[in-house]
Amino acid sequence: MHEMIDQDDRRGGGTEPGGQTLRSRPFAVTHRDVWKITLPMTLAFLTTPLIGLTDTAVVGRIGDATALGGLAVGALIFDFAFATFNFLRSGTTGLTAQAAGEENGREVQAVFWRSVVLSLLIGAGLIAAEPLITGLGRLAIAPGRGVVAATGLYVFVRMFSAPFAFLNYAILGHVLGCGRGGLGLALQFVVNGSNIALSILFGLVMEYGIAGVAVGTVCGEAIGALVGFLVVLQRFDAADRPSRSRVFERAGFVRMIAVNRDIMIRSFCLLGAFMLFARLGAQFGTLVLAANGILMNFFAVGSYFLDGMATATEQLVGRSVGARYRPAFDRAVRLTILWGMAVSLVVSAVFLFAGEALIAALTTDPAVRQMATDYLPFAALTPVAGALAFIMDGVFIGATWSQTMRNMMIAAFLAFAAAAYALTPIYGNTGLWLALLAFLGFRGFSLLALVPRRRAETFAARSWRGRRENVAVR
């Protein structure tokens, strides 16, 4: 890896077509820089599942199985809908980090306001489309009649949180793009803590049930958005305030929309791969389906740790691209790969040695426990197989090489589908897990192989044509 990153020359900066020198802005990338974002954001991501657990506990204590089913179905609908628009966070992080590396405070603020506008527009669009979204969710999951009513109530109320939730994505993306991981953690605690406390208050204490849980979520997201918005505005330098024409300039919005579009397509492909995994696993019977479902929780937990490292990668790579300083880019890639692999090995080791106890905590069915234990080694390897993919996503998002990332994700999904359909008739569920591990590994190594070429293009003198055209959307 070291030789691959260092095979080209290490000069930063470049020249304009007319001969004017573009100044690079050297800065050091240290292990501390990696962890000051990774650690707080890993903690922040790990708090997210607490919301779902709290909501389930609140509704569960009411003793209404129909309401609990409605909550489960409604949560699935929101997981899919909101995950689709998570690009508002990652896209904002990459673009903000580049502007920060360029020391262009006006563009940092302009990126934030563009992201705010997109967040509010998309959130309003989801509110308007709530009947359609709810209908599609019911069609896909096909719950019972009583559950349909509970789901409809929950989704209707909670959908009003969409503008606030997406605004929180934009705020978090801005904060992380500026390298303030500790502030990002604090804001996530405000959002998640308010959400949990108010869901308990409205759902359990005031006995509004599933509607109260949904109201608590809306209020929690709104409080988080208000606090985050005020904190961000307070930190803005009035001297760098962008004009309205700068915020709404066509080139800036086109670039942001193109980056976000590519990240969204990438997310769709990733969700599609996991849906195909579940669908093919279901053909082996309920026992295998249940065991695979339990084991996929291991991958989900591992992803929280790796997401924190990927976030650090986005910021450091984006900053180095904005600063036109290739040594920082190389150092950021090397350190995050090193630490990402180290973290994944530790997580995988924990899964291998403690996996049986974790499986026992998730299910009391002896047959499911045994089946899950049989396939535990495959699930334990998912963090190692996927570590490079997480880091490379961070590299490509931070550098805004989103189209390349999108294309390789499509290729990886097609390769996974081909491998899964080829291996499952021969090796059964083992073949399905092998296809999943190959999918995760293919994503990482295919993107890594493209880093030298994309890096050379980005840091070449001819690629820098001024702030509004550099690192062009490809």
Protein backbone atom coordinates (compact mmCIF):
# COMPACT_ATOMS: atom_id res chain seq x y z
CA MET A 1 0.00 0.00 0.00
CA HIS A 2 2.85 2.38 0.89
CA GLU A 3 4.46 1.94 -2.51
CA MET A 4 1.15 2.39 -4.32
CA ILE A 5 0.43 5.67 -2.62
CA ASP A 6 3.95 6.98 -3.09
CA GLN A 7 4.62 5.95 -6.68
CA ASP A 8 3.79 9.39 -8.13
CA ASP A 9 5.58 12.62 -7.20
CA ARG A 10 4.43 14.31 -3.99
CA ARG A 11 4.24 17.93 -5.08
CA GLY A 12 1.22 19.91 -3.92
CA GLY A 13 -0.39 22.87 -5.61
CA GLY A 14 -0.34 23.55 -9.33
CA THR A 15 -0.76 26.36 -11.82
CA GLU A 16 -3.65 28.07 -13.50
CA PRO A 17 -3.91 27.75 -17.29
CA GLY A 18 -2.60 31.33 -17.50
CA GLY A 19 0.45 30.50 -15.43
CA GLN A 20 -0.65 31.78 -12.00
CA THR A 21 0.56 29.54 -9.19
CA LEU A 22 -2.08 27.96 -7.01
CA ARG A 23 -0.75 27.86 -3.46
CA SER A 24 -0.94 24.63 -1.52
CA ARG A 25 -1.58 24.80 2.21
CA PRO A 26 0.60 22.21 3.96
CA PHE A 27 -0.60 20.58 7.15
CA ALA A 28 0.31 17.45 9.08
CA VAL A 29 -1.96 14.44 9.53
CA THR A 30 -1.33 12.57 12.77
CA HIS A 31 -2.75 9.56 14.57
CA ARG A 32 -4.41 12.03 16.95
CA ASP A 33 -6.15 13.74 14.02
CA VAL A 34 -7.64 10.41 13.00
CA TRP A 35 -8.89 9.54 16.46
CA LYS A 36 -10.20 12.94 17.47
CA ILE A 37 -12.95 12.40 14.89
CA THR A 38 -13.17 8.60 14.94
CA LEU A 39 -13.66 8.16 18.69
CA PRO A 40 -16.46 10.71 19.31
CA MET A 41 -18.31 9.73 16.15
CA THR A 42 -18.11 6.03 16.97
CA LEU A 43 -19.66 6.81 20.36
CA ALA A 44 -22.30 8.94 18.64
CA PHE A 45 -23.19 6.20 16.16
CA LEU A 46 -23.39 3.64 18.96
CA THR A 47 -26.07 5.74 20.72
CA THR A 48 -28.40 5.54 17.72
CA PRO A 49 -29.71 1.99 18.41
CA LEU A 50 -30.74 3.15 21.89
CA ILE A 51 -33.59 5.12 20.31
CA GLY A 52 -35.11 2.02 18.73
CA LEU A 53 -34.65 0.02 21.93
CA THR A 54 -36.34 2.75 23.99
CA ASP A 55 -39.28 3.06 21.61
CA THR A 56 -39.75 -0.71 21.64
CA ALA A 57 -39.57 -0.82 25.45
CA VAL A 58 -42.09 2.04 25.80
CA VAL A 59 -44.64 0.49 23.44
CA GLY A 60 -43.90 -2.99 24.79
CA ARG A 61 -44.78 -1.93 28.34
CA ILE A 62 -48.23 -0.86 27.13
CA GLY A 63 -48.92 -4.53 26.45
CA ASP A 64 -50.48 -4.02 23.01
CA ALA A 65 -49.01 -6.46 20.49
CA THR A 66 -50.71 -4.62 17.61
CA ALA A 67 -49.03 -1.34 18.55
CA LEU A 68 -45.69 -3.11 18.90
CA GLY A 69 -46.10 -4.59 15.43
CA GLY A 70 -47.04 -1.19 14.04
CA LEU A 71 -43.93 0.32 15.59
CA ALA A 72 -41.72 -2.39 14.07
CA VAL A 73 -43.19 -1.92 10.59
CA GLY A 74 -43.10 1.88 10.86
CA ALA A 75 -39.48 1.82 12.01
CA LEU A 76 -38.54 -0.28 8.97
CA ILE A 77 -40.20 2.25 6.68
CA PHE A 78 -38.26 5.11 8.27
CA ASP A 79 -34.99 3.19 8.31
CA PHE A 80 -35.26 2.80 4.55
CA ALA A 81 -36.56 6.30 3.81
CA PHE A 82 -34.11 8.17 6.03
CA ALA A 83 -31.10 5.99 5.12
CA THR A 84 -31.77 6.92 1.50
CA PHE A 85 -31.10 10.58 2.31
CA ASN A 86 -28.11 10.09 4.61
CA PHE A 87 -26.04 11.55 1.76
CA LEU A 88 -26.99 14.97 3.18
CA ARG A 89 -24.53 14.24 5.98
CA SER A 90 -21.66 12.64 4.08
CA GLY A 91 -21.88 14.89 1.02
CA THR A 92 -21.82 17.99 3.22
CA THR A 93 -18.82 16.64 5.13
CA GLY A 94 -16.72 16.16 1.97
CA LEU A 95 -17.57 19.52 0.41
CA THR A 96 -17.11 21.39 3.69
CA ALA A 97 -13.76 19.72 4.38
CA GLN A 98 -12.49 20.75 0.95
CA ALA A 99 -13.53 24.37 1.51
CA ALA A 100 -11.95 24.30 4.98
CA GLY A 101 -8.70 22.90 3.56
CA GLU A 102 -8.71 25.71 1.04
CA GLU A 103 -9.19 28.15 3.95
CA ASN A 104 -12.23 29.52 2.17
CA GLY A 105 -14.59 30.45 5.00
CA ARG A 106 -17.14 31.95 2.62
CA GLU A 107 -17.48 28.66 0.74
CA VAL A 108 -17.71 26.73 4.02
CA GLN A 109 -20.75 28.80 4.92
CA ALA A 110 -22.19 28.60 1.41
CA VAL A 111 -21.97 24.79 1.44
CA PHE A 112 -23.82 24.73 4.77
CA TRP A 113 -26.67 26.93 3.51
CA ARG A 114 -27.02 24.88 0.31
CA SER A 115 -27.26 21.73 2.42
CA VAL A 116 -29.86 23.39 4.66
CA VAL A 117 -31.97 24.32 1.63
CA LEU A 118 -31.80 20.77 0.24
CA SER A 119 -32.61 19.29 3.66
CA LEU A 120 -35.74 21.40 4.10
CA LEU A 121 -36.93 20.79 0.53
CA ILE A 122 -36.45 17.02 0.76
CA GLY A 123 -38.06 16.92 4.21
CA ALA A 124 -41.10 18.84 2.96
CA GLY A 125 -41.31 16.51 -0.03
CA LEU A 126 -41.39 13.45 2.24
CA ILE A 127 -44.20 14.96 4.32
CA ALA A 128 -46.20 15.52 1.14
CA ALA A 129 -45.45 11.97 -0.03
CA GLU A 130 -46.32 10.34 3.32
CA PRO A 131 -49.45 8.51 2.06
CA LEU A 132 -47.49 7.04 -0.85
CA ILE A 133 -44.54 6.02 1.37
CA THR A 134 -46.85 4.42 3.92
CA GLY A 135 -48.72 2.56 1.18
CA LEU A 136 -45.54 1.22 -0.37
CA GLY A 137 -44.29 0.13 3.03
CA ARG A 138 -47.52 -1.74 3.76
CA LEU A 139 -47.38 -3.37 0.35
CA ALA A 140 -43.78 -4.52 0.83
CA ILE A 141 -44.25 -5.86 4.37
CA ALA A 142 -47.96 -6.84 4.25
CA PRO A 143 -48.81 -6.62 7.97
CA GLY A 144 -52.15 -7.58 9.51
CA ARG A 145 -55.14 -5.23 9.58
CA GLY A 146 -54.62 -4.01 13.15
CA VAL A 147 -50.92 -3.47 12.54
CA VAL A 148 -51.74 -1.46 9.40
CA ALA A 149 -53.69 1.08 11.47
CA ALA A 150 -50.94 1.40 14.09
CA THR A 151 -48.31 1.75 11.37
CA GLY A 152 -50.29 4.45 9.61
CA LEU A 153 -50.64 6.49 12.81
CA TYR A 154 -46.94 6.18 13.67
CA VAL A 155 -45.69 7.05 10.19
CA PHE A 156 -48.13 9.97 9.80
CA VAL A 157 -46.97 11.63 13.02
CA ARG A 158 -43.29 10.83 12.77
CA MET A 159 -43.02 12.01 9.15
CA PHE A 160 -43.19 15.59 10.45
CA SER A 161 -39.70 15.01 11.84
CA ALA A 162 -38.22 14.68 8.33
CA PRO A 163 -37.18 18.34 7.80
CA PHE A 164 -35.62 18.44 11.28
CA ALA A 165 -33.88 15.08 10.85
CA PHE A 166 -32.38 16.11 7.51
CA LEU A 167 -31.38 19.47 8.92
CA ASN A 168 -29.53 17.53 11.64
CA TYR A 169 -27.77 15.60 8.86
CA ALA A 170 -26.64 18.90 7.31
CA ILE A 171 -25.50 20.30 10.66
CA LEU A 172 -23.55 17.16 11.54
CA GLY A 173 -21.98 17.09 8.06
CA HIS A 174 -20.84 20.70 8.45
CA VAL A 175 -19.44 20.13 11.93
CA LEU A 176 -17.52 17.04 10.88
CA GLY A 177 -16.29 18.71 7.70
CA CYS A 178 -14.73 21.36 9.93
CA GLY A 179 -13.02 18.61 11.94
CA ARG A 180 -15.04 19.12 15.17
CA GLY A 181 -15.73 15.53 16.18
CA GLY A 182 -16.33 16.40 19.83
CA LEU A 183 -19.00 18.93 18.90
CA GLY A 184 -20.57 16.35 16.60
CA LEU A 185 -20.79 13.91 19.51
CA ALA A 186 -22.35 16.55 21.76
CA LEU A 187 -24.99 17.44 19.16
CA GLN A 188 -25.83 13.76 18.63
CA PHE A 189 -26.28 13.37 22.37
CA VAL A 190 -28.72 16.30 22.30
CA VAL A 191 -30.71 14.78 19.42
CA ASN A 192 -30.75 11.20 20.70
CA GLY A 193 -31.10 12.15 24.38
CA SER A 194 -34.07 14.45 23.69
CA ASN A 195 -35.61 11.79 21.48
CA ILE A 196 -35.36 9.11 24.16
CA ALA A 197 -36.53 11.32 27.04
CA LEU A 198 -39.51 12.76 25.16
CA SER A 199 -40.57 9.37 23.78
CA ILE A 200 -40.71 8.05 27.35
CA LEU A 201 -42.59 11.16 28.50
CA PHE A 202 -45.24 11.21 25.78
CA GLY A 203 -45.47 7.48 25.17
CA LEU A 204 -45.29 6.04 28.68
CA VAL A 205 -45.74 8.74 31.33
CA MET A 206 -48.51 10.60 29.49
CA GLU A 207 -49.81 7.27 28.08
CA TYR A 208 -50.14 8.36 24.45
CA GLY A 209 -48.66 5.05 23.32
CA ILE A 210 -47.31 4.71 19.80
CA ALA A 211 -48.46 8.22 18.86
CA GLY A 212 -46.59 9.60 21.87
CA VAL A 213 -43.41 7.82 20.79
CA ALA A 214 -43.72 9.39 17.35
CA VAL A 215 -44.35 12.86 18.84
CA GLY A 216 -41.30 12.41 21.07
CA THR A 217 -39.18 11.67 18.01
CA VAL A 218 -40.47 14.76 16.19
CA CYS A 219 -39.76 16.99 19.19
CA GLY A 220 -36.35 15.43 19.79
CA GLU A 221 -35.25 16.02 16.19
CA ALA A 222 -36.60 19.59 16.35
CA ILE A 223 -34.74 20.37 19.56
CA GLY A 224 -31.53 18.92 18.14
CA ALA A 225 -31.92 20.93 14.92
CA LEU A 226 -32.55 24.16 16.83
CA VAL A 227 -29.57 23.70 19.15
CA GLY A 228 -27.26 22.61 16.33
CA PHE A 229 -28.35 25.45 14.07
CA LEU A 230 -27.70 28.06 16.76
CA VAL A 231 -24.30 26.55 17.59
CA VAL A 232 -23.23 26.56 13.93
CA LEU A 233 -24.42 30.13 13.35
CA GLN A 234 -22.58 31.31 16.45
CA ARG A 235 -19.32 29.94 15.07
CA PHE A 236 -19.65 31.63 11.68
CA ASP A 237 -17.42 34.63 10.99
CA ALA A 238 -19.56 37.54 9.84
CA ALA A 239 -16.73 38.69 7.56
CA ASP A 240 -17.07 35.44 5.56
CA ARG A 241 -20.83 35.62 5.18
CA PRO A 242 -21.69 34.61 1.59
CA SER A 243 -24.09 36.60 -0.54
CA ARG A 244 -27.43 35.08 -1.49
CA SER A 245 -26.24 34.78 -5.09
CA ARG A 246 -23.17 32.87 -3.89
CA VAL A 247 -25.30 30.44 -1.89
CA PHE A 248 -27.72 29.85 -4.76
CA GLU A 249 -25.18 29.84 -7.59
CA ARG A 250 -25.97 27.11 -10.07
CA ALA A 251 -22.49 25.53 -10.10
CA GLY A 252 -22.49 25.05 -6.34
CA PHE A 253 -25.91 23.39 -6.25
CA VAL A 254 -25.17 21.24 -9.30
CA ARG A 255 -22.01 19.97 -7.66
CA MET A 256 -23.73 19.24 -4.35
CA ILE A 257 -26.70 17.53 -6.01
CA ALA A 258 -24.44 15.42 -8.24
CA VAL A 259 -22.33 14.25 -5.30
CA ASN A 260 -25.42 13.51 -3.22
CA ARG A 261 -27.10 11.70 -6.13
CA ASP A 262 -24.13 9.37 -6.53
CA ILE A 263 -23.98 8.65 -2.80
CA MET A 264 -27.72 7.89 -2.82
CA ILE A 265 -27.35 5.40 -5.68
CA ARG A 266 -24.47 3.79 -3.80
CA SER A 267 -26.70 3.48 -0.71
CA PHE A 268 -29.51 1.94 -2.77
CA CYS A 269 -27.12 -0.70 -4.12
CA LEU A 270 -25.88 -1.48 -0.62
CA LEU A 271 -29.41 -1.86 0.70
CA GLY A 272 -30.24 -3.96 -2.36
CA ALA A 273 -27.36 -6.33 -1.62
CA PHE A 274 -28.57 -6.87 1.96
CA MET A 275 -32.15 -7.37 0.78
CA LEU A 276 -30.97 -9.96 -1.75
CA PHE A 277 -28.96 -11.67 1.01
CA ALA A 278 -32.12 -11.92 3.14
CA ARG A 279 -34.25 -13.06 0.21
CA LEU A 280 -31.85 -15.84 -0.82
CA GLY A 281 -31.42 -16.89 2.80
CA ALA A 282 -35.21 -17.24 3.14
CA GLN A 283 -35.24 -19.97 0.49
CA PHE A 284 -33.43 -22.26 2.94
CA GLY A 285 -36.26 -22.08 5.45
CA THR A 286 -37.31 -20.13 8.52
CA LEU A 287 -34.48 -21.47 10.67
CA VAL A 288 -31.74 -20.22 8.35
CA LEU A 289 -33.55 -16.93 7.81
CA ALA A 290 -33.75 -16.34 11.58
CA ALA A 291 -30.10 -17.30 12.12
CA ASN A 292 -28.89 -15.04 9.31
CA GLY A 293 -30.99 -12.19 10.70
CA ILE A 294 -29.35 -12.52 14.10
CA LEU A 295 -25.86 -12.73 12.60
CA MET A 296 -26.38 -9.63 10.47
CA ASN A 297 -26.62 -7.72 13.75
CA PHE A 298 -22.92 -8.51 14.17
CA PHE A 299 -22.17 -6.74 10.90
CA ALA A 300 -24.38 -3.82 11.93
CA VAL A 301 -22.50 -3.40 15.22
CA GLY A 302 -19.15 -3.64 13.44
CA SER A 303 -20.27 -0.99 10.98
CA TYR A 304 -20.79 1.53 13.81
CA PHE A 305 -17.08 1.28 14.67
CA LEU A 306 -15.96 1.46 11.04
CA ASP A 307 -18.33 4.34 10.25
CA GLY A 308 -16.47 6.45 12.79
CA MET A 309 -13.18 5.78 11.02
CA ALA A 310 -14.75 6.44 7.61
CA THR A 311 -15.99 9.81 8.88
CA ALA A 312 -12.45 10.76 9.91
CA THR A 313 -11.27 9.72 6.44
CA GLU A 314 -13.84 11.96 4.76
CA GLN A 315 -12.70 15.00 6.70
CA LEU A 316 -8.94 14.49 6.37
CA VAL A 317 -9.05 13.57 2.69
CA GLY A 318 -11.44 16.41 1.88
CA ARG A 319 -9.24 18.87 3.72
CA SER A 320 -6.11 17.70 1.89
CA VAL A 321 -7.84 18.02 -1.50
CA GLY A 322 -9.04 21.51 -0.63
CA ALA A 323 -5.55 22.44 0.56
CA ARG A 324 -4.04 21.00 -2.65
CA TYR A 325 -1.51 19.16 -0.47
CA ARG A 326 -0.91 15.61 -1.59
CA PRO A 327 1.39 14.49 1.26
CA ALA A 328 -1.51 15.04 3.68
CA PHE A 329 -3.79 13.03 1.38
CA ASP A 330 -1.31 10.12 1.28
CA ARG A 331 -0.79 10.20 5.02
CA ALA A 332 -4.54 10.30 5.71
CA VAL A 333 -5.18 7.30 3.47
CA ARG A 334 -2.35 5.26 5.02
CA LEU A 335 -3.29 6.01 8.64
CA THR A 336 -7.01 5.40 8.23
CA ILE A 337 -6.39 2.10 6.42
CA LEU A 338 -3.99 1.07 9.19
CA TRP A 339 -6.38 1.95 12.01
CA GLY A 340 -9.44 0.72 10.15
CA MET A 341 -7.92 -2.73 9.71
CA ALA A 342 -6.77 -2.75 13.34
CA VAL A 343 -10.24 -1.87 14.62
CA SER A 344 -11.86 -4.47 12.36
CA LEU A 345 -9.51 -7.21 13.64
CA VAL A 346 -10.34 -6.37 17.25
CA VAL A 347 -14.09 -6.33 16.56
CA SER A 348 -13.89 -9.62 14.66
CA ALA A 349 -11.92 -11.22 17.48
CA VAL A 350 -14.57 -10.13 20.00
CA PHE A 351 -17.29 -11.62 17.81
CA LEU A 352 -15.41 -14.91 17.46
CA PHE A 353 -14.75 -15.34 21.17
CA ALA A 354 -17.97 -13.84 22.58
CA GLY A 355 -20.28 -14.61 19.67
CA GLU A 356 -22.03 -17.59 21.23
CA ALA A 357 -22.92 -15.59 24.32
CA LEU A 358 -24.20 -12.74 22.16
CA ILE A 359 -26.31 -15.15 20.10
CA ALA A 360 -27.76 -16.61 23.32
CA ALA A 361 -28.72 -13.10 24.43
CA LEU A 362 -30.55 -12.46 21.16
CA THR A 363 -32.59 -15.68 20.99
CA THR A 364 -33.80 -18.41 23.33
CA ASP A 365 -34.64 -20.88 20.55
CA PRO A 366 -32.11 -23.76 20.77
CA ALA A 367 -32.33 -24.59 17.05
CA VAL A 368 -31.79 -20.97 15.99
CA ARG A 369 -28.92 -20.67 18.45
CA GLN A 370 -27.21 -23.72 16.99
CA MET A 371 -27.72 -22.61 13.41
CA ALA A 372 -26.39 -19.12 14.15
CA THR A 373 -23.38 -20.59 15.97
CA ASP A 374 -22.58 -22.76 12.94
CA TYR A 375 -22.30 -19.67 10.73
CA LEU A 376 -20.77 -17.39 13.36
CA PRO A 377 -17.24 -17.44 11.82
CA PHE A 378 -18.60 -15.93 8.59
CA ALA A 379 -20.41 -13.15 10.45
CA ALA A 380 -17.34 -12.49 12.60
CA LEU A 381 -15.25 -11.95 9.46
CA THR A 382 -17.55 -9.26 8.01
CA PRO A 383 -15.76 -6.36 9.79
CA VAL A 384 -12.39 -7.47 8.38
CA ALA A 385 -13.82 -8.08 4.91
CA GLY A 386 -15.61 -4.72 4.89
CA ALA A 387 -13.04 -2.49 6.63
CA LEU A 388 -11.31 -1.35 3.45
CA ALA A 389 -14.67 -0.63 1.80
CA PHE A 390 -15.63 1.71 4.66
CA ILE A 391 -12.30 3.53 4.48
CA MET A 392 -12.42 3.82 0.69
CA ASP A 393 -15.95 5.22 0.89
CA GLY A 394 -14.50 7.88 3.17
CA VAL A 395 -11.69 8.60 0.71
CA PHE A 396 -13.97 8.88 -2.32
CA ILE A 397 -16.62 10.95 -0.51
CA GLY A 398 -14.01 13.29 0.97
CA ALA A 399 -12.36 13.79 -2.43
CA THR A 400 -15.82 14.02 -4.07
CA TRP A 401 -14.98 11.21 -6.47
CA SER A 402 -18.57 10.15 -6.02
CA GLN A 403 -19.25 8.99 -9.57
CA THR A 404 -16.38 6.50 -9.46
CA MET A 405 -17.60 5.22 -6.09
CA ARG A 406 -21.12 4.87 -7.49
CA ASN A 407 -19.94 2.94 -10.55
CA MET A 408 -17.84 0.52 -8.50
CA MET A 409 -20.73 -0.08 -6.13
CA ILE A 410 -22.97 -1.01 -9.05
CA ALA A 411 -20.27 -3.37 -10.32
CA ALA A 412 -19.88 -4.88 -6.84
CA PHE A 413 -23.63 -5.42 -6.50
CA LEU A 414 -23.80 -7.20 -9.85
CA ALA A 415 -20.81 -9.35 -8.89
CA PHE A 416 -22.47 -10.20 -5.56
CA ALA A 417 -25.71 -11.19 -7.25
CA ALA A 418 -23.84 -13.40 -9.73
CA ALA A 419 -21.77 -15.04 -6.99
CA ALA A 420 -24.77 -15.57 -4.71
CA TYR A 421 -26.89 -17.21 -7.42
CA ALA A 422 -23.92 -19.34 -8.51
CA LEU A 423 -22.80 -20.48 -5.04
CA THR A 424 -26.06 -21.03 -3.16
CA PRO A 425 -27.25 -23.99 -5.29
CA ILE A 426 -23.91 -25.71 -4.60
CA TYR A 427 -22.98 -24.69 -1.05
CA GLY A 428 -26.31 -23.51 0.35
CA ASN A 429 -26.17 -20.88 3.09
CA THR A 430 -22.38 -21.20 3.24
CA GLY A 431 -22.22 -20.07 -0.37
CA LEU A 432 -24.43 -17.09 0.46
CA TRP A 433 -22.09 -15.97 3.24
CA LEU A 434 -19.05 -16.47 0.99
CA ALA A 435 -20.70 -14.26 -1.64
CA LEU A 436 -21.35 -11.56 0.98
CA LEU A 437 -17.73 -11.60 2.19
CA ALA A 438 -16.52 -11.43 -1.42
CA PHE A 439 -18.87 -8.48 -2.04
CA LEU A 440 -17.45 -6.55 0.91
CA GLY A 441 -13.87 -7.29 -0.09
CA PHE A 442 -14.41 -6.50 -3.77
CA ARG A 443 -15.78 -3.06 -2.91
CA GLY A 444 -12.73 -2.12 -0.89
CA PHE A 445 -10.00 -3.45 -3.16
CA SER A 446 -11.61 -2.22 -6.38
CA LEU A 447 -11.77 1.33 -5.03
CA LEU A 448 -8.23 1.12 -3.64
CA ALA A 449 -6.94 0.13 -7.07
CA LEU A 450 -8.42 3.33 -8.52
CA VAL A 451 -6.92 5.66 -5.93
CA PRO A 452 -3.57 6.29 -7.74
CA ARG A 453 -5.24 7.35 -10.99
CA ARG A 454 -7.88 9.54 -9.37
CA ARG A 455 -5.29 11.06 -7.05
CA ALA A 456 -3.01 11.92 -9.96
CA GLU A 457 -5.89 13.58 -11.79
CA THR A 458 -6.95 15.57 -8.75
CA PHE A 459 -3.50 16.81 -7.76
CA ALA A 460 -2.19 17.36 -11.31
CA ALA A 461 -1.50 20.99 -12.21
CA ARG A 462 -3.96 20.93 -15.09
CA SER A 463 -6.86 19.88 -12.85
CA TRP A 464 -6.85 23.05 -10.75
CA ARG A 465 -8.88 25.71 -12.55
CA GLY A 466 -10.00 27.87 -9.68
CA ARG A 467 -12.24 27.28 -6.71
CA ARG A 468 -15.51 26.83 -8.56
CA GLU A 469 -14.13 24.22 -10.92
CA ASN A 470 -11.55 22.25 -8.91
CA VAL A 471 -12.17 18.62 -8.20
CA ALA A 472 -14.99 18.81 -10.73
CA VAL A 473 -17.90 16.45 -10.48
CA ARG A 474 -17.08 13.68 -12.89
